[in-house]
Amino acid sequence: MSQSTKSKKFKKSLLNIIVCPKTKEPLIWDQKNKVLISKKGKLAYPIIDGIPILIIEKAKKL
């Protein structure tokens, strides 16, 4: 695995410090779909190049 590939991978340790901006609840990492799920908010936040995009308007409704 090259260094550039490693740097684009989501770091699961971020789940300890980030929350849903809408509900302030913890997020669940959906590795298969590359999104962070807010069960209470019924939103899926995208992860682009390893960076979670925690903008409510960018999230998909579940």
Protein backbone atom coordinates (compact mmCIF):
# COMPACT_ATOMS: atom_id res chain seq x y z
CA MET A 1 0.00 0.00 0.00
CA SER A 2 1.48 3.35 -0.98
CA GLN A 3 1.72 6.32 1.36
CA SER A 4 -0.89 8.27 -0.64
CA THR A 5 -3.37 5.39 -0.29
CA LYS A 6 -2.79 5.20 3.47
CA SER A 7 -3.35 8.92 3.96
CA LYS A 8 -6.76 8.73 2.25
CA LYS A 9 -8.11 6.07 4.60
CA PHE A 10 -10.62 7.11 7.27
CA LYS A 11 -9.13 6.94 10.76
CA LYS A 12 -11.57 5.11 12.99
CA SER A 13 -10.07 6.83 16.05
CA LEU A 14 -11.85 10.02 14.93
CA LEU A 15 -15.12 8.44 16.10
CA ASN A 16 -13.95 9.15 19.66
CA ILE A 17 -14.03 12.90 19.10
CA ILE A 18 -16.58 13.68 16.37
CA VAL A 19 -20.36 13.72 16.64
CA CYS A 20 -23.31 14.41 14.38
CA PRO A 21 -23.53 18.20 13.95
CA LYS A 22 -27.34 18.00 13.98
CA THR A 23 -28.02 15.71 16.95
CA LYS A 24 -24.67 15.84 18.80
CA GLU A 25 -24.89 12.04 19.03
CA PRO A 26 -22.04 9.60 18.23
CA LEU A 27 -21.62 8.46 14.63
CA ILE A 28 -21.30 4.92 13.28
CA TRP A 29 -18.78 4.14 10.56
CA ASP A 30 -20.22 2.27 7.58
CA GLN A 31 -16.98 1.08 6.03
CA LYS A 32 -18.65 -0.58 3.03
CA ASN A 33 -20.47 2.61 1.92
CA LYS A 34 -17.77 5.03 3.14
CA VAL A 35 -20.17 7.09 5.23
CA LEU A 36 -20.73 8.01 8.86
CA ILE A 37 -24.24 7.21 10.04
CA SER A 38 -26.28 9.24 12.51
CA LYS A 39 -29.05 6.88 13.60
CA LYS A 40 -30.95 9.54 15.56
CA GLY A 41 -30.60 12.14 12.81
CA LYS A 42 -31.25 9.55 10.06
CA LEU A 43 -28.35 10.98 8.06
CA ALA A 44 -25.30 9.55 6.29
CA TYR A 45 -22.29 11.87 6.12
CA PRO A 46 -19.85 11.15 3.27
CA ILE A 47 -16.16 10.42 3.75
CA ILE A 48 -14.11 11.88 0.91
CA ASP A 49 -10.39 11.07 0.65
CA GLY A 50 -10.49 9.89 4.27
CA ILE A 51 -12.06 13.15 5.51
CA PRO A 52 -15.54 13.06 7.05
CA ILE A 53 -17.73 15.81 5.60
CA LEU A 54 -19.85 16.78 8.60
CA ILE A 55 -22.05 19.32 6.88
CA ILE A 56 -25.76 18.66 7.34
CA GLU A 57 -26.58 19.86 3.81
CA LYS A 58 -24.05 17.39 2.32
CA ALA A 59 -25.48 14.38 4.21
CA LYS A 60 -27.89 11.91 2.60
CA LYS A 61 -31.19 11.27 4.34
CA LEU A 62 -31.74 7.67 5.40
